[in-house]
Amino acid sequence: MNWLSRTALILVIVGALNWLLVGVFQWDLVTSLFGGDTVRPSSGLSRIIYSLVGLAGLYSITFLFNDSDVRSK
């Protein structure tokens, strides 16, 4: 995996983990780091979707350590 792909994956994971925090705790990490209202009220359905995106981000961490390169034959 080249440096650009790895950097993009890290940013996607950080974003997904932020959505997990919003979904579970209604707390926005990025906003708390850079200023603004850190509590993000949302509906139950949107919190479920945010949590699913966050769980996908947790799963995506495994791709950072997977060095196999998929190539068509």
PDB file of N, CA and C in Angstrom:
ATOM      1  N   MET A   1       0.860  -1.170   0.000  1.00  0.00           N
ATOM      2  CA  MET A   1       0.000   0.000   0.000  1.00  0.00           C
ATOM      3  C   MET A   1       0.904   1.230   0.000  1.00  0.00           C
ATOM      4  N   ASN A   2       0.674   2.134  -0.935  1.00  0.00           N
ATOM      5  CA  ASN A   2       1.517   3.330  -0.996  1.00  0.00           C
ATOM      6  C   ASN A   2       1.106   4.346   0.072  1.00  0.00           C
ATOM      7  N   TRP A   3       1.891   5.386   0.218  1.00  0.00           N
ATOM      8  CA  TRP A   3       1.677   6.351   1.301  1.00  0.00           C
ATOM      9  C   TRP A   3       0.359   7.108   1.153  1.00  0.00           C
ATOM     10  N   LEU A   4      -0.069   7.380  -0.081  1.00  0.00           N
ATOM     11  CA  LEU A   4      -1.313   8.112  -0.290  1.00  0.00           C
ATOM     12  C   LEU A   4      -2.517   7.255   0.108  1.00  0.00           C
ATOM     13  N   SER A   5      -2.494   5.991  -0.266  1.00  0.00           N
ATOM     14  CA  SER A   5      -3.581   5.082   0.111  1.00  0.00           C
ATOM     15  C   SER A   5      -3.630   4.902   1.619  1.00  0.00           C
ATOM     16  N   ARG A   6      -2.491   4.763   2.239  1.00  0.00           N
ATOM     17  CA  ARG A   6      -2.432   4.587   3.691  1.00  0.00           C
ATOM     18  C   ARG A   6      -2.934   5.847   4.407  1.00  0.00           C
ATOM     19  N   THR A   7      -2.553   7.020   3.929  1.00  0.00           N
ATOM     20  CA  THR A   7      -3.005   8.277   4.528  1.00  0.00           C
ATOM     21  C   THR A   7      -4.515   8.436   4.379  1.00  0.00           C
ATOM     22  N   ALA A   8      -5.029   8.120   3.201  1.00  0.00           N
ATOM     23  CA  ALA A   8      -6.472   8.210   2.973  1.00  0.00           C
ATOM     24  C   ALA A   8      -7.223   7.242   3.887  1.00  0.00           C
ATOM     25  N   LEU A   9      -6.700   6.034   4.043  1.00  0.00           N
ATOM     26  CA  LEU A   9      -7.342   5.052   4.906  1.00  0.00           C
ATOM     27  C   LEU A   9      -7.339   5.515   6.356  1.00  0.00           C
ATOM     28  N   ILE A  10      -6.256   6.101   6.801  1.00  0.00           N
ATOM     29  CA  ILE A  10      -6.193   6.613   8.176  1.00  0.00           C
ATOM     30  C   ILE A  10      -7.220   7.713   8.390  1.00  0.00           C
ATOM     31  N   LEU A  11      -7.363   8.603   7.424  1.00  0.00           N
ATOM     32  CA  LEU A  11      -8.363   9.672   7.546  1.00  0.00           C
ATOM     33  C   LEU A  11      -9.783   9.125   7.562  1.00  0.00           C
ATOM     34  N   VAL A  12     -10.034   8.114   6.753  1.00  0.00           N
ATOM     35  CA  VAL A  12     -11.358   7.483   6.747  1.00  0.00           C
ATOM     36  C   VAL A  12     -11.636   6.816   8.096  1.00  0.00           C
ATOM     37  N   ILE A  13     -10.635   6.150   8.657  1.00  0.00           N
ATOM     38  CA  ILE A  13     -10.800   5.498   9.956  1.00  0.00           C
ATOM     39  C   ILE A  13     -11.058   6.521  11.052  1.00  0.00           C
ATOM     40  N   VAL A  14     -10.319   7.612  11.055  1.00  0.00           N
ATOM     41  CA  VAL A  14     -10.526   8.663  12.061  1.00  0.00           C
ATOM     42  C   VAL A  14     -11.936   9.243  11.938  1.00  0.00           C
ATOM     43  N   GLY A  15     -12.377   9.486  10.715  1.00  0.00           N
ATOM     44  CA  GLY A  15     -13.732   9.995  10.505  1.00  0.00           C
ATOM     45  C   GLY A  15     -14.785   9.019  10.976  1.00  0.00           C
ATOM     46  N   ALA A  16     -14.589   7.746  10.680  1.00  0.00           N
ATOM     47  CA  ALA A  16     -15.552   6.728  11.107  1.00  0.00           C
ATOM     48  C   ALA A  16     -15.585   6.599  12.631  1.00  0.00           C
ATOM     49  N   LEU A  17     -14.428   6.672  13.260  1.00  0.00           N
ATOM     50  CA  LEU A  17     -14.399   6.608  14.725  1.00  0.00           C
ATOM     51  C   LEU A  17     -15.082   7.826  15.348  1.00  0.00           C
ATOM     52  N   ASN A  18     -14.957   8.961  14.698  1.00  0.00           N
ATOM     53  CA  ASN A  18     -15.667  10.151  15.173  1.00  0.00           C
ATOM     54  C   ASN A  18     -17.176   9.920  15.085  1.00  0.00           C
ATOM     55  N   TRP A  19     -17.644   9.322  13.988  1.00  0.00           N
ATOM     56  CA  TRP A  19     -19.073   9.033  13.859  1.00  0.00           C
ATOM     57  C   TRP A  19     -19.524   8.013  14.900  1.00  0.00           C
ATOM     58  N   LEU A  20     -18.651   7.078  15.245  1.00  0.00           N
ATOM     59  CA  LEU A  20     -18.990   6.117  16.298  1.00  0.00           C
ATOM     60  C   LEU A  20     -19.205   6.845  17.625  1.00  0.00           C
ATOM     61  N   LEU A  21     -18.344   7.801  17.921  1.00  0.00           N
ATOM     62  CA  LEU A  21     -18.509   8.586  19.148  1.00  0.00           C
ATOM     63  C   LEU A  21     -19.803   9.392  19.123  1.00  0.00           C
ATOM     64  N   VAL A  22     -20.141   9.936  17.954  1.00  0.00           N
ATOM     65  CA  VAL A  22     -21.393  10.684  17.823  1.00  0.00           C
ATOM     66  C   VAL A  22     -22.580   9.743  18.000  1.00  0.00           C
ATOM     67  N   GLY A  23     -22.489   8.558  17.393  1.00  0.00           N
ATOM     68  CA  GLY A  23     -23.595   7.613  17.488  1.00  0.00           C
ATOM     69  C   GLY A  23     -23.807   7.059  18.877  1.00  0.00           C
ATOM     70  N   VAL A  24     -22.740   6.777  19.582  1.00  0.00           N
ATOM     71  CA  VAL A  24     -22.864   6.146  20.895  1.00  0.00           C
ATOM     72  C   VAL A  24     -23.031   7.176  22.010  1.00  0.00           C
ATOM     73  N   PHE A  25     -22.222   8.232  21.974  1.00  0.00           N
ATOM     74  CA  PHE A  25     -22.213   9.198  23.082  1.00  0.00           C
ATOM     75  C   PHE A  25     -22.759  10.578  22.711  1.00  0.00           C
ATOM     76  N   GLN A  26     -23.111  10.802  21.441  1.00  0.00           N
ATOM     77  CA  GLN A  26     -23.530  12.111  20.934  1.00  0.00           C
ATOM     78  C   GLN A  26     -22.463  13.165  21.207  1.00  0.00           C
ATOM     79  N   TRP A  27     -21.205  12.762  21.084  1.00  0.00           N
ATOM     80  CA  TRP A  27     -20.068  13.647  21.337  1.00  0.00           C
ATOM     81  C   TRP A  27     -19.162  13.661  20.115  1.00  0.00           C
ATOM     82  N   ASP A  28     -18.855  14.850  19.618  1.00  0.00           N
ATOM     83  CA  ASP A  28     -18.072  15.021  18.398  1.00  0.00           C
ATOM     84  C   ASP A  28     -16.627  15.352  18.756  1.00  0.00           C
ATOM     85  N   LEU A  29     -15.715  14.408  18.525  1.00  0.00           N
ATOM     86  CA  LEU A  29     -14.305  14.576  18.863  1.00  0.00           C
ATOM     87  C   LEU A  29     -13.651  15.667  18.028  1.00  0.00           C
ATOM     88  N   VAL A  30     -13.910  15.690  16.738  1.00  0.00           N
ATOM     89  CA  VAL A  30     -13.275  16.680  15.858  1.00  0.00           C
ATOM     90  C   VAL A  30     -13.673  18.090  16.262  1.00  0.00           C
ATOM     91  N   THR A  31     -14.951  18.279  16.574  1.00  0.00           N
ATOM     92  CA  THR A  31     -15.402  19.600  17.011  1.00  0.00           C
ATOM     93  C   THR A  31     -14.783  19.985  18.345  1.00  0.00           C
ATOM     94  N   SER A  32     -14.616  19.020  19.222  1.00  0.00           N
ATOM     95  CA  SER A  32     -14.008  19.353  20.510  1.00  0.00           C
ATOM     96  C   SER A  32     -12.541  19.732  20.362  1.00  0.00           C
ATOM     97  N   LEU A  33     -11.861  19.154  19.373  1.00  0.00           N
ATOM     98  CA  LEU A  33     -10.457  19.514  19.144  1.00  0.00           C
ATOM     99  C   LEU A  33     -10.298  20.879  18.494  1.00  0.00           C
ATOM    100  N   PHE A  34     -11.223  21.237  17.605  1.00  0.00           N
ATOM    101  CA  PHE A  34     -11.060  22.461  16.817  1.00  0.00           C
ATOM    102  C   PHE A  34     -12.080  23.541  17.127  1.00  0.00           C
ATOM    103  N   GLY A  35     -12.894  23.351  18.144  1.00  0.00           N
ATOM    104  CA  GLY A  35     -13.824  24.382  18.582  1.00  0.00           C
ATOM    105  C   GLY A  35     -15.221  24.162  18.062  1.00  0.00           C
ATOM    106  N   GLY A  36     -16.185  24.533  18.874  1.00  0.00           N
ATOM    107  CA  GLY A  36     -17.582  24.410  18.494  1.00  0.00           C
ATOM    108  C   GLY A  36     -18.363  23.635  19.529  1.00  0.00           C
ATOM    109  N   ASP A  37     -19.629  23.404  19.218  1.00  0.00           N
ATOM    110  CA  ASP A  37     -20.522  22.680  20.115  1.00  0.00           C
ATOM    111  C   ASP A  37     -20.245  21.187  19.987  1.00  0.00           C
ATOM    112  N   THR A  38     -19.789  20.565  21.061  1.00  0.00           N
ATOM    113  CA  THR A  38     -19.348  19.168  20.982  1.00  0.00           C
ATOM    114  C   THR A  38     -20.482  18.165  21.100  1.00  0.00           C
ATOM    115  N   VAL A  39     -21.620  18.575  21.627  1.00  0.00           N
ATOM    116  CA  VAL A  39     -22.759  17.668  21.745  1.00  0.00           C
ATOM    117  C   VAL A  39     -23.590  17.786  20.488  1.00  0.00           C
ATOM    118  N   ARG A  40     -23.870  16.646  19.871  1.00  0.00           N
ATOM    119  CA  ARG A  40     -24.584  16.633  18.605  1.00  0.00           C
ATOM    120  C   ARG A  40     -25.849  15.793  18.777  1.00  0.00           C
ATOM    121  N   PRO A  41     -26.987  16.464  19.081  1.00  0.00           N
ATOM    122  CA  PRO A  41     -28.225  15.703  19.242  1.00  0.00           C
ATOM    123  C   PRO A  41     -28.686  15.137  17.890  1.00  0.00           C
ATOM    124  N   SER A  42     -29.191  13.898  17.919  1.00  0.00           N
ATOM    125  CA  SER A  42     -29.648  13.275  16.683  1.00  0.00           C
ATOM    126  C   SER A  42     -30.699  12.222  17.006  1.00  0.00           C
ATOM    127  N   SER A  43     -31.423  11.792  15.980  1.00  0.00           N
ATOM    128  CA  SER A  43     -32.479  10.806  16.162  1.00  0.00           C
ATOM    129  C   SER A  43     -31.884   9.424  16.410  1.00  0.00           C
ATOM    130  N   GLY A  44     -32.719   8.520  16.850  1.00  0.00           N
ATOM    131  CA  GLY A  44     -32.268   7.164  17.130  1.00  0.00           C
ATOM    132  C   GLY A  44     -31.774   6.443  15.890  1.00  0.00           C
ATOM    133  N   LEU A  45     -32.474   6.618  14.770  1.00  0.00           N
ATOM    134  CA  LEU A  45     -32.064   5.957  13.532  1.00  0.00           C
ATOM    135  C   LEU A  45     -30.716   6.478  13.045  1.00  0.00           C
ATOM    136  N   SER A  46     -30.516   7.783  13.108  1.00  0.00           N
ATOM    137  CA  SER A  46     -29.229   8.326  12.668  1.00  0.00           C
ATOM    138  C   SER A  46     -28.103   7.869  13.590  1.00  0.00           C
ATOM    139  N   ARG A  47     -28.378   7.717  14.877  1.00  0.00           N
ATOM    140  CA  ARG A  47     -27.349   7.231  15.797  1.00  0.00           C
ATOM    141  C   ARG A  47     -26.965   5.792  15.487  1.00  0.00           C
ATOM    142  N   ILE A  48     -27.930   4.986  15.061  1.00  0.00           N
ATOM    143  CA  ILE A  48     -27.633   3.605  14.664  1.00  0.00           C
ATOM    144  C   ILE A  48     -26.741   3.601  13.427  1.00  0.00           C
ATOM    145  N   ILE A  49     -27.057   4.448  12.451  1.00  0.00           N
ATOM    146  CA  ILE A  49     -26.263   4.516  11.225  1.00  0.00           C
ATOM    147  C   ILE A  49     -24.860   5.024  11.536  1.00  0.00           C
ATOM    148  N   TYR A  50     -24.744   6.060  12.366  1.00  0.00           N
ATOM    149  CA  TYR A  50     -23.423   6.566  12.760  1.00  0.00           C
ATOM    150  C   TYR A  50     -22.614   5.466  13.438  1.00  0.00           C
ATOM    151  N   SER A  51     -23.266   4.696  14.282  1.00  0.00           N
ATOM    152  CA  SER A  51     -22.563   3.615  14.984  1.00  0.00           C
ATOM    153  C   SER A  51     -22.104   2.525  14.018  1.00  0.00           C
ATOM    154  N   LEU A  52     -22.933   2.193  13.024  1.00  0.00           N
ATOM    155  CA  LEU A  52     -22.536   1.197  12.030  1.00  0.00           C
ATOM    156  C   LEU A  52     -21.339   1.674  11.209  1.00  0.00           C
ATOM    157  N   VAL A  53     -21.339   2.949  10.847  1.00  0.00           N
ATOM    158  CA  VAL A  53     -20.189   3.506  10.125  1.00  0.00           C
ATOM    159  C   VAL A  53     -18.944   3.446  10.999  1.00  0.00           C
ATOM    160  N   GLY A  54     -19.096   3.735  12.283  1.00  0.00           N
ATOM    161  CA  GLY A  54     -17.969   3.659  13.204  1.00  0.00           C
ATOM    162  C   GLY A  54     -17.431   2.251  13.366  1.00  0.00           C
ATOM    163  N   LEU A  55     -18.321   1.274  13.425  1.00  0.00           N
ATOM    164  CA  LEU A  55     -17.883  -0.112  13.512  1.00  0.00           C
ATOM    165  C   LEU A  55     -17.154  -0.543  12.242  1.00  0.00           C
ATOM    166  N   ALA A  56     -17.611  -0.051  11.104  1.00  0.00           N
ATOM    167  CA  ALA A  56     -16.902  -0.326   9.847  1.00  0.00           C
ATOM    168  C   ALA A  56     -15.505   0.291   9.888  1.00  0.00           C
ATOM    169  N   GLY A  57     -15.384   1.439  10.518  1.00  0.00           N
ATOM    170  CA  GLY A  57     -14.071   2.062  10.682  1.00  0.00           C
ATOM    171  C   GLY A  57     -13.154   1.236  11.558  1.00  0.00           C
ATOM    172  N   LEU A  58     -13.716   0.666  12.629  1.00  0.00           N
ATOM    173  CA  LEU A  58     -12.912  -0.219  13.471  1.00  0.00           C
ATOM    174  C   LEU A  58     -12.427  -1.425  12.676  1.00  0.00           C
ATOM    175  N   TYR A  59     -13.304  -1.994  11.866  1.00  0.00           N
ATOM    176  CA  TYR A  59     -12.922  -3.129  11.029  1.00  0.00           C
ATOM    177  C   TYR A  59     -11.847  -2.729  10.014  1.00  0.00           C
ATOM    178  N   SER A  60     -11.917  -1.501   9.516  1.00  0.00           N
ATOM    179  CA  SER A  60     -10.973  -1.033   8.504  1.00  0.00           C
ATOM    180  C   SER A  60      -9.555  -0.888   9.035  1.00  0.00           C
ATOM    181  N   ILE A  61      -9.400  -0.835  10.338  1.00  0.00           N
ATOM    182  CA  ILE A  61      -8.056  -0.762  10.920  1.00  0.00           C
ATOM    183  C   ILE A  61      -7.240  -1.977  10.490  1.00  0.00           C
ATOM    184  N   THR A  62      -7.892  -3.118  10.308  1.00  0.00           N
ATOM    185  CA  THR A  62      -7.164  -4.323   9.897  1.00  0.00           C
ATOM    186  C   THR A  62      -6.513  -4.148   8.529  1.00  0.00           C
ATOM    187  N   PHE A  63      -7.069  -3.303   7.678  1.00  0.00           N
ATOM    188  CA  PHE A  63      -6.501  -3.084   6.345  1.00  0.00           C
ATOM    189  C   PHE A  63      -5.163  -2.354   6.405  1.00  0.00           C
ATOM    190  N   LEU A  64      -4.928  -1.599   7.466  1.00  0.00           N
ATOM    191  CA  LEU A  64      -3.648  -0.908   7.614  1.00  0.00           C
ATOM    192  C   LEU A  64      -2.494  -1.887   7.762  1.00  0.00           C
ATOM    193  N   PHE A  65      -2.780  -3.046   8.357  1.00  0.00           N
ATOM    194  CA  PHE A  65      -1.730  -4.012   8.644  1.00  0.00           C
ATOM    195  C   PHE A  65      -1.717  -5.175   7.662  1.00  0.00           C
ATOM    196  N   ASN A  66      -2.558  -5.095   6.642  1.00  0.00           N
ATOM    197  CA  ASN A  66      -2.622  -6.129   5.624  1.00  0.00           C
ATOM    198  C   ASN A  66      -1.777  -5.679   4.442  1.00  0.00           C
ATOM    199  N   ASP A  67      -0.628  -6.314   4.233  1.00  0.00           N
ATOM    200  CA  ASP A  67       0.284  -5.911   3.164  1.00  0.00           C
ATOM    201  C   ASP A  67       0.065  -6.669   1.872  1.00  0.00           C
ATOM    202  N   SER A  68      -0.907  -7.574   1.816  1.00  0.00           N
ATOM    203  CA  SER A  68      -1.131  -8.322   0.585  1.00  0.00           C
ATOM    204  C   SER A  68      -1.710  -7.394  -0.472  1.00  0.00           C
ATOM    205  N   ASP A  69      -1.236  -7.517  -1.668  1.00  0.00           N
ATOM    206  CA  ASP A  69      -1.663  -6.682  -2.778  1.00  0.00           C
ATOM    207  C   ASP A  69      -2.495  -7.526  -3.720  1.00  0.00           C
ATOM    208  N   VAL A  70      -3.741  -7.148  -3.924  1.00  0.00           N
ATOM    209  CA  VAL A  70      -4.635  -7.908  -4.789  1.00  0.00           C
ATOM    210  C   VAL A  70      -4.397  -7.478  -6.224  1.00  0.00           C
ATOM    211  N   ARG A  71      -4.067  -8.429  -7.070  1.00  0.00           N
ATOM    212  CA  ARG A  71      -3.807  -8.134  -8.481  1.00  0.00           C
ATOM    213  C   ARG A  71      -4.588  -9.104  -9.334  1.00  0.00           C
ATOM    214  N   SER A  72      -5.100  -8.625 -10.439  1.00  0.00           N
ATOM    215  CA  SER A  72      -5.816  -9.512 -11.354  1.00  0.00           C
ATOM    216  C   SER A  72      -4.808 -10.345 -12.132  1.00  0.00           C
ATOM    217  N   LYS A  73      -5.190 -11.580 -12.427  1.00  0.00           N
ATOM    218  CA  LYS A  73      -4.268 -12.486 -13.115  1.00  0.00           C
ATOM    219  C   LYS A  73      -4.529 -12.510 -14.598  1.00  0.00           C
TER     220      LYS A  73
END
